[in-house]
Amino acid sequence: MVEEVSSGGVVVFGNTILLLKKFNGDWVLPKGRVEKGEDIRDTALREVYEEGGVRGQIIKYIGMVHYNYKNLKENETVFKTVHWYLMKTNNMDCVPQKKEGFVDALFVHIDKAIDLVKYEDERKIIIKGLRMYK
């Protein structure tokens, strides 16, 4: 089994959260792989900027999630760890990273964001992060 480590952010502006819409219609939080020699905090900030065009500021570490997925190209199972950070930003300007398959980037009201997000683990991270934010 292959191991992969990623990092991402729950980015808050007022009562909204940054979400990205993938080409298949799924709404997700910004995250990506940790590059060699890179700190997970730096990865989270970089991925939020690359995928959503947003400059975030880390407030607090929310936690990590683990899951397995099947890499169809390599026909292997990947054990993935994702580290999540609560972040804030100073404006709602955002731009989706088209080359990564994101067709939209929006700040969505927190109540609607929880319903929109595709994956249960991301819903839980949003809820945990919002509790820390208050």
Protein backbone atom coordinates (compact mmCIF):
# COMPACT_ATOMS: atom_id res chain seq x y z
CA MET A 1 0.00 0.00 0.00
CA VAL A 2 1.20 3.49 -0.88
CA GLU A 3 0.99 6.32 1.65
CA GLU A 4 0.16 9.91 0.71
CA VAL A 5 0.04 13.05 2.87
CA SER A 6 -1.97 16.12 1.97
CA SER A 7 -2.91 19.35 3.70
CA GLY A 8 -5.70 21.85 3.21
CA GLY A 9 -7.83 24.57 4.68
CA VAL A 10 -11.25 25.54 5.91
CA VAL A 11 -11.06 29.19 4.84
CA VAL A 12 -13.52 31.53 6.55
CA PHE A 13 -14.61 35.02 5.55
CA GLY A 14 -17.39 36.34 7.79
CA ASN A 15 -20.08 33.66 7.80
CA THR A 16 -18.86 32.00 4.59
CA ILE A 17 -16.40 29.22 3.70
CA LEU A 18 -14.36 28.75 0.53
CA LEU A 19 -15.52 25.77 -1.54
CA LEU A 20 -14.29 24.51 -4.89
CA LYS A 21 -16.48 22.84 -7.49
CA LYS A 22 -14.88 20.00 -9.45
CA PHE A 23 -15.69 19.31 -13.10
CA ASN A 24 -17.92 16.42 -12.01
CA GLY A 25 -20.06 18.73 -9.84
CA ASP A 26 -18.62 17.76 -6.44
CA TRP A 27 -17.99 20.59 -3.98
CA VAL A 28 -14.81 20.17 -1.91
CA LEU A 29 -12.40 22.00 0.36
CA PRO A 30 -9.01 23.03 -1.05
CA LYS A 31 -6.22 20.57 -0.31
CA GLY A 32 -3.22 18.95 -1.95
CA ARG A 33 -0.13 16.83 -1.58
CA VAL A 34 2.75 17.83 0.64
CA GLU A 35 5.83 18.33 -1.52
CA LYS A 36 9.22 16.96 -0.52
CA GLY A 37 10.74 19.07 2.27
CA GLU A 38 7.57 21.13 2.68
CA ASP A 39 5.88 21.75 6.04
CA ILE A 40 2.18 20.77 6.24
CA ARG A 41 1.26 24.35 7.22
CA ASP A 42 3.00 25.69 4.12
CA THR A 43 1.27 23.07 1.99
CA ALA A 44 -2.15 24.10 3.29
CA LEU A 45 -1.50 27.78 2.51
CA ARG A 46 -0.05 26.97 -0.91
CA GLU A 47 -2.93 24.70 -1.91
CA VAL A 48 -5.58 27.20 -0.82
CA TYR A 49 -3.86 29.80 -3.00
CA GLU A 50 -3.20 27.49 -5.97
CA GLU A 51 -6.63 25.87 -6.08
CA GLY A 52 -8.79 28.84 -5.06
CA GLY A 53 -6.67 31.95 -5.58
CA VAL A 54 -7.12 32.89 -1.91
CA ARG A 55 -4.45 34.12 0.48
CA GLY A 56 -5.32 32.50 3.78
CA GLN A 57 -3.93 33.07 7.26
CA ILE A 58 -3.77 30.07 9.55
CA ILE A 59 -5.70 30.41 12.80
CA LYS A 60 -5.46 26.89 14.20
CA TYR A 61 -4.84 23.24 13.36
CA ILE A 62 -8.20 21.43 13.13
CA GLY A 63 -7.00 17.85 12.86
CA MET A 64 -6.38 15.05 10.41
CA VAL A 65 -8.44 12.46 8.59
CA HIS A 66 -7.41 9.14 7.08
CA TYR A 67 -8.94 7.19 4.25
CA ASN A 68 -8.06 4.71 1.52
CA TYR A 69 -8.70 5.15 -2.17
CA LYS A 70 -7.92 3.19 -5.29
CA ASN A 71 -5.45 4.77 -7.72
CA LEU A 72 -6.80 3.37 -10.98
CA LYS A 73 -3.79 4.42 -13.09
CA GLU A 74 -1.35 2.48 -10.91
CA ASN A 75 -3.91 -0.13 -9.78
CA GLU A 76 -2.94 0.34 -6.15
CA THR A 77 -4.59 1.24 -2.88
CA VAL A 78 -3.45 4.54 -1.35
CA PHE A 79 -3.63 5.24 2.38
CA LYS A 80 -4.15 9.01 2.59
CA THR A 81 -3.71 11.35 5.54
CA VAL A 82 -5.08 14.88 5.20
CA HIS A 83 -4.14 17.61 7.69
CA TRP A 84 -6.68 20.43 7.98
CA TYR A 85 -6.17 24.03 9.12
CA LEU A 86 -8.70 26.67 10.05
CA MET A 87 -7.89 29.83 8.11
CA LYS A 88 -9.26 33.29 7.60
CA THR A 89 -8.95 35.67 4.69
CA ASN A 90 -9.53 39.38 4.18
CA ASN A 91 -11.77 39.27 1.11
CA MET A 92 -13.96 37.01 -1.01
CA ASP A 93 -11.88 37.18 -4.19
CA CYS A 94 -11.28 33.68 -5.50
CA VAL A 95 -10.41 31.99 -8.79
CA PRO A 96 -10.71 28.24 -9.46
CA GLN A 97 -7.64 26.39 -10.73
CA LYS A 98 -8.98 25.11 -14.04
CA LYS A 99 -5.97 22.90 -14.85
CA GLU A 100 -6.70 20.85 -11.70
CA GLY A 101 -10.31 20.35 -12.77
CA PHE A 102 -11.98 23.03 -10.65
CA VAL A 103 -14.71 24.89 -12.50
CA ASP A 104 -15.79 27.23 -9.70
CA ALA A 105 -14.56 28.73 -6.45
CA LEU A 106 -17.05 30.42 -4.14
CA PHE A 107 -17.44 31.60 -0.59
CA VAL A 108 -20.62 29.84 0.51
CA HIS A 109 -22.69 30.53 3.65
CA ILE A 110 -21.59 28.14 6.41
CA ASP A 111 -24.98 26.43 6.68
CA LYS A 112 -25.17 25.80 2.94
CA ALA A 113 -21.48 24.76 2.75
CA ILE A 114 -22.00 21.85 5.12
CA ASP A 115 -24.86 20.57 2.94
CA LEU A 116 -22.99 21.12 -0.34
CA VAL A 117 -19.71 19.40 0.52
CA LYS A 118 -19.48 15.96 -1.12
CA TYR A 119 -17.49 14.04 1.51
CA GLU A 120 -18.57 13.26 5.07
CA ASP A 121 -15.05 13.70 6.46
CA GLU A 122 -14.92 17.24 5.04
CA ARG A 123 -18.33 18.04 6.57
CA LYS A 124 -17.00 16.93 9.96
CA ILE A 125 -13.84 19.02 9.53
CA ILE A 126 -15.93 22.11 8.65
CA ILE A 127 -18.10 21.62 11.74
CA LYS A 128 -15.05 21.07 13.99
CA GLY A 129 -13.28 24.10 12.50
CA LEU A 130 -16.31 26.35 12.96
CA ARG A 131 -16.55 25.36 16.63
CA MET A 132 -12.93 26.47 17.05
CA TYR A 133 -13.59 29.72 15.20
CA LYS A 134 -16.28 30.97 17.60
